[in-house]
ModelCIF file with pLDDT and N, C-alpha, C, O atoms, coordinates in Angstrom:
data_MODEL
#
_entry.id   MODEL 
#
_entity.id                         1 
_entity.type                       polymer 
_entity.pdbx_number_of_molecules   1 
#
_entity_poly.entity_id                      1 
_entity_poly.type                           'polypeptide(L)' 
_entity_poly.nstd_linkage                   no 
_entity_poly.nstd_monomer                   no 
_entity_poly.pdbx_seq_one_letter_code       KNWVIGGFVGSHHWRNRNYIPMIMYPILFASFLIFS 
_entity_poly.pdbx_seq_one_letter_code_can   KNWVIGGFVGSHHWRNRNYIPMIMYPILFASFLIFS 
_entity_poly.pdbx_strand_id                 A 
#
loop_
_entity_poly_seq.entity_id 
_entity_poly_seq.num 
_entity_poly_seq.mon_id 
_entity_poly_seq.hetero 
1 1  LYS n 
1 2  ASN n 
1 3  TRP n 
1 4  VAL n 
1 5  ILE n 
1 6  GLY n 
1 7  GLY n 
1 8  PHE n 
1 9  VAL n 
1 10 GLY n 
1 11 SER n 
1 12 HIS n 
1 13 HIS n 
1 14 TRP n 
1 15 ARG n 
1 16 ASN n 
1 17 ARG n 
1 18 ASN n 
1 19 TYR n 
1 20 ILE n 
1 21 PRO n 
1 22 MET n 
1 23 ILE n 
1 24 MET n 
1 25 TYR n 
1 26 PRO n 
1 27 ILE n 
1 28 LEU n 
1 29 PHE n 
1 30 ALA n 
1 31 SER n 
1 32 PHE n 
1 33 LEU n 
1 34 ILE n 
1 35 PHE n 
1 36 SER n 
#
_struct_asym.id          A 
_struct_asym.entity_id   1 
#
loop_
_ma_qa_metric.id 
_ma_qa_metric.mode 
_ma_qa_metric.name 
_ma_qa_metric.software_group_id 
_ma_qa_metric.type 
1 global pLDDT . pLDDT 
2 local  pLDDT . pLDDT 
#
_ma_qa_metric_global.metric_id      1 
_ma_qa_metric_global.metric_value   87.50 
_ma_qa_metric_global.model_id       1 
_ma_qa_metric_global.ordinal_id     1 
#
loop_
_ma_qa_metric_local.label_asym_id 
_ma_qa_metric_local.label_comp_id 
_ma_qa_metric_local.label_seq_id 
_ma_qa_metric_local.metric_id 
_ma_qa_metric_local.metric_value 
_ma_qa_metric_local.model_id 
_ma_qa_metric_local.ordinal_id 
A LYS 1  2 89.00 1 1  
A ASN 2  2 88.00 1 2  
A TRP 3  2 90.00 1 3  
A VAL 4  2 88.00 1 4  
A ILE 5  2 87.00 1 5  
A GLY 6  2 86.00 1 6  
A GLY 7  2 85.00 1 7  
A PHE 8  2 83.00 1 8  
A VAL 9  2 85.00 1 9  
A GLY 10 2 86.00 1 10 
A SER 11 2 85.00 1 11 
A HIS 12 2 84.00 1 12 
A HIS 13 2 86.00 1 13 
A TRP 14 2 82.00 1 14 
A ARG 15 2 76.00 1 15 
A ASN 16 2 77.00 1 16 
A ARG 17 2 82.00 1 17 
A ASN 18 2 84.00 1 18 
A TYR 19 2 86.00 1 19 
A ILE 20 2 88.00 1 20 
A PRO 21 2 87.00 1 21 
A MET 22 2 87.00 1 22 
A ILE 23 2 90.00 1 23 
A MET 24 2 90.00 1 24 
A TYR 25 2 91.00 1 25 
A PRO 26 2 91.00 1 26 
A ILE 27 2 92.00 1 27 
A LEU 28 2 90.00 1 28 
A PHE 29 2 90.00 1 29 
A ALA 30 2 92.00 1 30 
A SER 31 2 92.00 1 31 
A PHE 32 2 91.00 1 32 
A LEU 33 2 92.00 1 33 
A ILE 34 2 94.00 1 34 
A PHE 35 2 92.00 1 35 
A SER 36 2 92.00 1 36 
#
loop_
_atom_site.group_PDB 
_atom_site.id 
_atom_site.type_symbol 
_atom_site.label_atom_id 
_atom_site.label_alt_id 
_atom_site.label_comp_id 
_atom_site.label_asym_id 
_atom_site.label_entity_id 
_atom_site.label_seq_id 
_atom_site.pdbx_PDB_ins_code 
_atom_site.Cartn_x 
_atom_site.Cartn_y 
_atom_site.Cartn_z 
_atom_site.occupancy 
_atom_site.B_iso_or_equiv 
_atom_site.pdbx_formal_charge 
_atom_site.auth_seq_id 
_atom_site.auth_comp_id 
_atom_site.auth_asym_id 
_atom_site.auth_atom_id 
_atom_site.pdbx_PDB_model_num 
ATOM 1   N N  . LYS A 1 1  ? 68.123 -47.128 21.170 1.00 89.00 ? 1  LYS A N  1 
ATOM 2   C CA . LYS A 1 1  ? 69.188 -48.138 21.093 1.00 89.00 ? 1  LYS A CA 1 
ATOM 3   C C  . LYS A 1 1  ? 69.007 -49.180 22.196 1.00 89.00 ? 1  LYS A C  1 
ATOM 4   O O  . LYS A 1 1  ? 69.137 -50.379 21.948 1.00 89.00 ? 1  LYS A O  1 
ATOM 5   N N  . ASN A 1 2  ? 68.706 -48.722 23.416 1.00 88.00 ? 2  ASN A N  1 
ATOM 6   C CA . ASN A 1 2  ? 68.430 -49.653 24.514 1.00 88.00 ? 2  ASN A CA 1 
ATOM 7   C C  . ASN A 1 2  ? 67.182 -50.475 24.236 1.00 88.00 ? 2  ASN A C  1 
ATOM 8   O O  . ASN A 1 2  ? 67.109 -51.653 24.584 1.00 88.00 ? 2  ASN A O  1 
ATOM 9   N N  . TRP A 1 3  ? 66.201 -49.838 23.604 1.00 90.00 ? 3  TRP A N  1 
ATOM 10  C CA . TRP A 1 3  ? 64.953 -50.530 23.244 1.00 90.00 ? 3  TRP A CA 1 
ATOM 11  C C  . TRP A 1 3  ? 65.234 -51.661 22.245 1.00 90.00 ? 3  TRP A C  1 
ATOM 12  O O  . TRP A 1 3  ? 64.672 -52.751 22.358 1.00 90.00 ? 3  TRP A O  1 
ATOM 13  N N  . VAL A 1 4  ? 66.105 -51.394 21.274 1.00 88.00 ? 4  VAL A N  1 
ATOM 14  C CA . VAL A 1 4  ? 66.429 -52.404 20.255 1.00 88.00 ? 4  VAL A CA 1 
ATOM 15  C C  . VAL A 1 4  ? 67.256 -53.539 20.854 1.00 88.00 ? 4  VAL A C  1 
ATOM 16  O O  . VAL A 1 4  ? 66.943 -54.713 20.659 1.00 88.00 ? 4  VAL A O  1 
ATOM 17  N N  . ILE A 1 5  ? 68.312 -53.182 21.585 1.00 87.00 ? 5  ILE A N  1 
ATOM 18  C CA . ILE A 1 5  ? 69.271 -54.189 22.048 1.00 87.00 ? 5  ILE A CA 1 
ATOM 19  C C  . ILE A 1 5  ? 68.713 -55.044 23.180 1.00 87.00 ? 5  ILE A C  1 
ATOM 20  O O  . ILE A 1 5  ? 68.822 -56.270 23.144 1.00 87.00 ? 5  ILE A O  1 
ATOM 21  N N  . GLY A 1 6  ? 68.120 -54.408 24.179 1.00 86.00 ? 6  GLY A N  1 
ATOM 22  C CA . GLY A 1 6  ? 67.649 -55.167 25.345 1.00 86.00 ? 6  GLY A CA 1 
ATOM 23  C C  . GLY A 1 6  ? 66.205 -54.920 25.693 1.00 86.00 ? 6  GLY A C  1 
ATOM 24  O O  . GLY A 1 6  ? 65.803 -55.065 26.847 1.00 86.00 ? 6  GLY A O  1 
ATOM 25  N N  . GLY A 1 7  ? 65.414 -54.543 24.690 1.00 85.00 ? 7  GLY A N  1 
ATOM 26  C CA . GLY A 1 7  ? 64.022 -54.196 24.941 1.00 85.00 ? 7  GLY A CA 1 
ATOM 27  C C  . GLY A 1 7  ? 63.193 -55.310 25.538 1.00 85.00 ? 7  GLY A C  1 
ATOM 28  O O  . GLY A 1 7  ? 62.290 -55.048 26.333 1.00 85.00 ? 7  GLY A O  1 
ATOM 29  N N  . PHE A 1 8  ? 63.484 -56.567 25.167 1.00 83.00 ? 8  PHE A N  1 
ATOM 30  C CA . PHE A 1 8  ? 62.682 -57.691 25.644 1.00 83.00 ? 8  PHE A CA 1 
ATOM 31  C C  . PHE A 1 8  ? 62.903 -57.973 27.132 1.00 83.00 ? 8  PHE A C  1 
ATOM 32  O O  . PHE A 1 8  ? 62.138 -58.716 27.747 1.00 83.00 ? 8  PHE A O  1 
ATOM 33  N N  . VAL A 1 9  ? 63.957 -57.374 27.711 1.00 85.00 ? 9  VAL A N  1 
ATOM 34  C CA . VAL A 1 9  ? 64.150 -57.496 29.161 1.00 85.00 ? 9  VAL A CA 1 
ATOM 35  C C  . VAL A 1 9  ? 63.991 -56.131 29.836 1.00 85.00 ? 9  VAL A C  1 
ATOM 36  O O  . VAL A 1 9  ? 64.353 -55.962 31.000 1.00 85.00 ? 9  VAL A O  1 
ATOM 37  N N  . GLY A 1 10 ? 63.445 -55.155 29.094 1.00 86.00 ? 10 GLY A N  1 
ATOM 38  C CA . GLY A 1 10 ? 63.117 -53.860 29.670 1.00 86.00 ? 10 GLY A CA 1 
ATOM 39  C C  . GLY A 1 10 ? 64.274 -52.922 29.916 1.00 86.00 ? 10 GLY A C  1 
ATOM 40  O O  . GLY A 1 10 ? 64.167 -52.041 30.768 1.00 86.00 ? 10 GLY A O  1 
ATOM 41  N N  . SER A 1 11 ? 65.384 -53.074 29.201 1.00 85.00 ? 11 SER A N  1 
ATOM 42  C CA . SER A 1 11 ? 66.564 -52.238 29.464 1.00 85.00 ? 11 SER A CA 1 
ATOM 43  C C  . SER A 1 11 ? 66.321 -50.764 29.172 1.00 85.00 ? 11 SER A C  1 
ATOM 44  O O  . SER A 1 11 ? 66.982 -49.903 29.753 1.00 85.00 ? 11 SER A O  1 
ATOM 45  N N  . HIS A 1 12 ? 65.370 -50.456 28.270 1.00 84.00 ? 12 HIS A N  1 
ATOM 46  C CA . HIS A 1 12 ? 65.083 -49.056 27.963 1.00 84.00 ? 12 HIS A CA 1 
ATOM 47  C C  . HIS A 1 12 ? 64.385 -48.348 29.125 1.00 84.00 ? 12 HIS A C  1 
ATOM 48  O O  . HIS A 1 12 ? 64.292 -47.121 29.136 1.00 84.00 ? 12 HIS A O  1 
ATOM 49  N N  . HIS A 1 13 ? 63.896 -49.111 30.096 1.00 86.00 ? 13 HIS A N  1 
ATOM 50  C CA . HIS A 1 13 ? 63.269 -48.506 31.275 1.00 86.00 ? 13 HIS A CA 1 
ATOM 51  C C  . HIS A 1 13 ? 64.275 -48.243 32.394 1.00 86.00 ? 13 HIS A C  1 
ATOM 52  O O  . HIS A 1 13 ? 63.979 -47.511 33.338 1.00 86.00 ? 13 HIS A O  1 
ATOM 53  N N  . TRP A 1 14 ? 65.455 -48.835 32.292 1.00 82.00 ? 14 TRP A N  1 
ATOM 54  C CA . TRP A 1 14 ? 66.451 -48.664 33.355 1.00 82.00 ? 14 TRP A CA 1 
ATOM 55  C C  . TRP A 1 14 ? 66.908 -47.211 33.446 1.00 82.00 ? 14 TRP A C  1 
ATOM 56  O O  . TRP A 1 14 ? 67.147 -46.692 34.536 1.00 82.00 ? 14 TRP A O  1 
ATOM 57  N N  . ARG A 1 15 ? 67.025 -46.566 32.296 1.00 76.00 ? 15 ARG A N  1 
ATOM 58  C CA . ARG A 1 15 ? 67.506 -45.170 32.249 1.00 76.00 ? 15 ARG A CA 1 
ATOM 59  C C  . ARG A 1 15 ? 66.610 -44.250 33.078 1.00 76.00 ? 15 ARG A C  1 
ATOM 60  O O  . ARG A 1 15 ? 67.093 -43.359 33.777 1.00 76.00 ? 15 ARG A O  1 
ATOM 61  N N  . ASN A 1 16 ? 65.272 -44.484 32.986 1.00 77.00 ? 16 ASN A N  1 
ATOM 62  C CA . ASN A 1 16 ? 64.307 -43.633 33.694 1.00 77.00 ? 16 ASN A CA 1 
ATOM 63  C C  . ASN A 1 16 ? 63.849 -44.236 35.022 1.00 77.00 ? 16 ASN A C  1 
ATOM 64  O O  . ASN A 1 16 ? 63.018 -43.663 35.726 1.00 77.00 ? 16 ASN A O  1 
ATOM 65  N N  . ARG A 1 17 ? 64.403 -45.394 35.347 1.00 82.00 ? 17 ARG A N  1 
ATOM 66  C CA . ARG A 1 17 ? 64.078 -46.077 36.601 1.00 82.00 ? 17 ARG A CA 1 
ATOM 67  C C  . ARG A 1 17 ? 62.573 -46.305 36.784 1.00 82.00 ? 17 ARG A C  1 
ATOM 68  O O  . ARG A 1 17 ? 62.003 -46.013 37.835 1.00 82.00 ? 17 ARG A O  1 
ATOM 69  N N  . ASN A 1 18 ? 61.956 -46.834 35.730 1.00 84.00 ? 18 ASN A N  1 
ATOM 70  C CA . ASN A 1 18 ? 60.548 -47.234 35.806 1.00 84.00 ? 18 ASN A CA 1 
ATOM 71  C C  . ASN A 1 18 ? 60.505 -48.657 36.369 1.00 84.00 ? 18 ASN A C  1 
ATOM 72  O O  . ASN A 1 18 ? 60.652 -49.632 35.633 1.00 84.00 ? 18 ASN A O  1 
ATOM 73  N N  . TYR A 1 19 ? 60.305 -48.757 37.663 1.00 86.00 ? 19 TYR A N  1 
ATOM 74  C CA . TYR A 1 19 ? 60.570 -50.010 38.360 1.00 86.00 ? 19 TYR A CA 1 
ATOM 75  C C  . TYR A 1 19 ? 59.617 -51.147 37.980 1.00 86.00 ? 19 TYR A C  1 
ATOM 76  O O  . TYR A 1 19 ? 60.044 -52.296 37.868 1.00 86.00 ? 19 TYR A O  1 
ATOM 77  N N  . ILE A 1 20 ? 58.341 -50.841 37.782 1.00 88.00 ? 20 ILE A N  1 
ATOM 78  C CA . ILE A 1 20 ? 57.394 -51.917 37.445 1.00 88.00 ? 20 ILE A CA 1 
ATOM 79  C C  . ILE A 1 20 ? 57.755 -52.580 36.110 1.00 88.00 ? 20 ILE A C  1 
ATOM 80  O O  . ILE A 1 20 ? 57.850 -53.806 36.058 1.00 88.00 ? 20 ILE A O  1 
ATOM 81  N N  . PRO A 1 21 ? 57.961 -51.805 35.017 1.00 87.00 ? 21 PRO A N  1 
ATOM 82  C CA . PRO A 1 21 ? 58.404 -52.441 33.769 1.00 87.00 ? 21 PRO A CA 1 
ATOM 83  C C  . PRO A 1 21 ? 59.769 -53.120 33.904 1.00 87.00 ? 21 PRO A C  1 
ATOM 84  O O  . PRO A 1 21 ? 60.010 -54.159 33.289 1.00 87.00 ? 21 PRO A O  1 
ATOM 85  N N  . MET A 1 22 ? 60.659 -52.535 34.708 1.00 87.00 ? 22 MET A N  1 
ATOM 86  C CA . MET A 1 22 ? 61.989 -53.132 34.912 1.00 87.00 ? 22 MET A CA 1 
ATOM 87  C C  . MET A 1 22 ? 61.873 -54.535 35.514 1.00 87.00 ? 22 MET A C  1 
ATOM 88  O O  . MET A 1 22 ? 62.710 -55.398 35.251 1.00 87.00 ? 22 MET A O  1 
ATOM 89  N N  . ILE A 1 23 ? 60.831 -54.759 36.321 1.00 90.00 ? 23 ILE A N  1 
ATOM 90  C CA . ILE A 1 23 ? 60.619 -56.073 36.936 1.00 90.00 ? 23 ILE A CA 1 
ATOM 91  C C  . ILE A 1 23 ? 59.809 -56.990 36.026 1.00 90.00 ? 23 ILE A C  1 
ATOM 92  O O  . ILE A 1 23 ? 60.125 -58.170 35.876 1.00 90.00 ? 23 ILE A O  1 
ATOM 93  N N  . MET A 1 24 ? 58.749 -56.427 35.414 1.00 90.00 ? 24 MET A N  1 
ATOM 94  C CA . MET A 1 24 ? 57.807 -57.258 34.650 1.00 90.00 ? 24 MET A CA 1 
ATOM 95  C C  . MET A 1 24 ? 58.391 -57.777 33.341 1.00 90.00 ? 24 MET A C  1 
ATOM 96  O O  . MET A 1 24 ? 58.123 -58.916 32.958 1.00 90.00 ? 24 MET A O  1 
ATOM 97  N N  . TYR A 1 25 ? 59.183 -56.964 32.650 1.00 91.00 ? 25 TYR A N  1 
ATOM 98  C CA . TYR A 1 25 ? 59.771 -57.408 31.381 1.00 91.00 ? 25 TYR A CA 1 
ATOM 99  C C  . TYR A 1 25 ? 60.604 -58.690 31.544 1.00 91.00 ? 25 TYR A C  1 
ATOM 100 O O  . TYR A 1 25 ? 60.368 -59.659 30.822 1.00 91.00 ? 25 TYR A O  1 
ATOM 101 N N  . PRO A 1 26 ? 61.571 -58.719 32.476 1.00 91.00 ? 26 PRO A N  1 
ATOM 102 C CA . PRO A 1 26 ? 62.362 -59.950 32.652 1.00 91.00 ? 26 PRO A CA 1 
ATOM 103 C C  . PRO A 1 26 ? 61.512 -61.147 33.074 1.00 91.00 ? 26 PRO A C  1 
ATOM 104 O O  . PRO A 1 26 ? 61.778 -62.275 32.659 1.00 91.00 ? 26 PRO A O  1 
ATOM 105 N N  . ILE A 1 27 ? 60.475 -60.902 33.909 1.00 92.00 ? 27 ILE A N  1 
ATOM 106 C CA . ILE A 1 27 ? 59.604 -62.002 34.336 1.00 92.00 ? 27 ILE A CA 1 
ATOM 107 C C  . ILE A 1 27 ? 58.862 -62.597 33.141 1.00 92.00 ? 27 ILE A C  1 
ATOM 108 O O  . ILE A 1 27 ? 58.806 -63.817 32.991 1.00 92.00 ? 27 ILE A O  1 
ATOM 109 N N  . LEU A 1 28 ? 58.293 -61.739 32.291 1.00 90.00 ? 28 LEU A N  1 
ATOM 110 C CA . LEU A 1 28 ? 57.557 -62.222 31.119 1.00 90.00 ? 28 LEU A CA 1 
ATOM 111 C C  . LEU A 1 28 ? 58.478 -62.940 30.138 1.00 90.00 ? 28 LEU A C  1 
ATOM 112 O O  . LEU A 1 28 ? 58.113 -63.974 29.579 1.00 90.00 ? 28 LEU A O  1 
ATOM 113 N N  . PHE A 1 29 ? 59.680 -62.383 29.931 1.00 90.00 ? 29 PHE A N  1 
ATOM 114 C CA . PHE A 1 29 ? 60.610 -63.013 28.990 1.00 90.00 ? 29 PHE A CA 1 
ATOM 115 C C  . PHE A 1 29 ? 61.123 -64.339 29.531 1.00 90.00 ? 29 PHE A C  1 
ATOM 116 O O  . PHE A 1 29 ? 61.271 -65.302 28.779 1.00 90.00 ? 29 PHE A O  1 
ATOM 117 N N  . ALA A 1 30 ? 61.397 -64.392 30.841 1.00 92.00 ? 30 ALA A N  1 
ATOM 118 C CA . ALA A 1 30 ? 61.822 -65.651 31.459 1.00 92.00 ? 30 ALA A CA 1 
ATOM 119 C C  . ALA A 1 30 ? 60.701 -66.689 31.381 1.00 92.00 ? 30 ALA A C  1 
ATOM 120 O O  . ALA A 1 30 ? 60.964 -67.875 31.187 1.00 92.00 ? 30 ALA A O  1 
ATOM 121 N N  . SER A 1 31 ? 59.458 -66.243 31.532 1.00 92.00 ? 31 SER A N  1 
ATOM 122 C CA . SER A 1 31 ? 58.310 -67.153 31.411 1.00 92.00 ? 31 SER A CA 1 
ATOM 123 C C  . SER A 1 31 ? 58.245 -67.749 30.011 1.00 92.00 ? 31 SER A C  1 
ATOM 124 O O  . SER A 1 31 ? 57.984 -68.940 29.841 1.00 92.00 ? 31 SER A O  1 
ATOM 125 N N  . PHE A 1 32 ? 58.486 -66.902 29.006 1.00 91.00 ? 32 PHE A N  1 
ATOM 126 C CA . PHE A 1 32 ? 58.496 -67.390 27.624 1.00 91.00 ? 32 PHE A CA 1 
ATOM 127 C C  . PHE A 1 32 ? 59.565 -68.461 27.428 1.00 91.00 ? 32 PHE A C  1 
ATOM 128 O O  . PHE A 1 32 ? 59.304 -69.489 26.803 1.00 91.00 ? 32 PHE A O  1 
ATOM 129 N N  . LEU A 1 33 ? 60.769 -68.227 27.960 1.00 92.00 ? 33 LEU A N  1 
ATOM 130 C CA . LEU A 1 33 ? 61.858 -69.204 27.815 1.00 92.00 ? 33 LEU A CA 1 
ATOM 131 C C  . LEU A 1 33 ? 61.519 -70.518 28.525 1.00 92.00 ? 33 LEU A C  1 
ATOM 132 O O  . LEU A 1 33 ? 61.786 -71.598 28.000 1.00 92.00 ? 33 LEU A O  1 
ATOM 133 N N  . ILE A 1 34 ? 60.935 -70.421 29.710 1.00 94.00 ? 34 ILE A N  1 
ATOM 134 C CA . ILE A 1 34 ? 60.574 -71.626 30.472 1.00 94.00 ? 34 ILE A CA 1 
ATOM 135 C C  . ILE A 1 34 ? 59.492 -72.413 29.753 1.00 94.00 ? 34 ILE A C  1 
ATOM 136 O O  . ILE A 1 34 ? 59.595 -73.631 29.607 1.00 94.00 ? 34 ILE A O  1 
ATOM 137 N N  . PHE A 1 35 ? 58.447 -71.713 29.299 1.00 92.00 ? 35 PHE A N  1 
ATOM 138 C CA . PHE A 1 35 ? 57.348 -72.401 28.605 1.00 92.00 ? 35 PHE A CA 1 
ATOM 139 C C  . PHE A 1 35 ? 57.813 -72.985 27.268 1.00 92.00 ? 35 PHE A C  1 
ATOM 140 O O  . PHE A 1 35 ? 57.321 -74.028 26.839 1.00 92.00 ? 35 PHE A O  1 
ATOM 141 N N  . SER A 1 36 ? 58.764 -72.308 26.608 1.00 92.00 ? 36 SER A N  1 
ATOM 142 C CA . SER A 1 36 ? 59.317 -72.840 25.360 1.00 92.00 ? 36 SER A CA 1 
ATOM 143 C C  . SER A 1 36 ? 60.057 -74.147 25.617 1.00 92.00 ? 36 SER A C  1 
ATOM 144 O O  . SER A 1 36 ? 60.592 -74.746 24.685 1.00 92.00 ? 36 SER A O  1 
#
């Protein structure tokens, strides 16, 4: 459910505290929005 709703910002990693994906997902998604 977290993967579906907020997967593009890495919300499914928050539950397990996987810090690298928690940081990289929002950076990549923000980059997409900026470049768009």
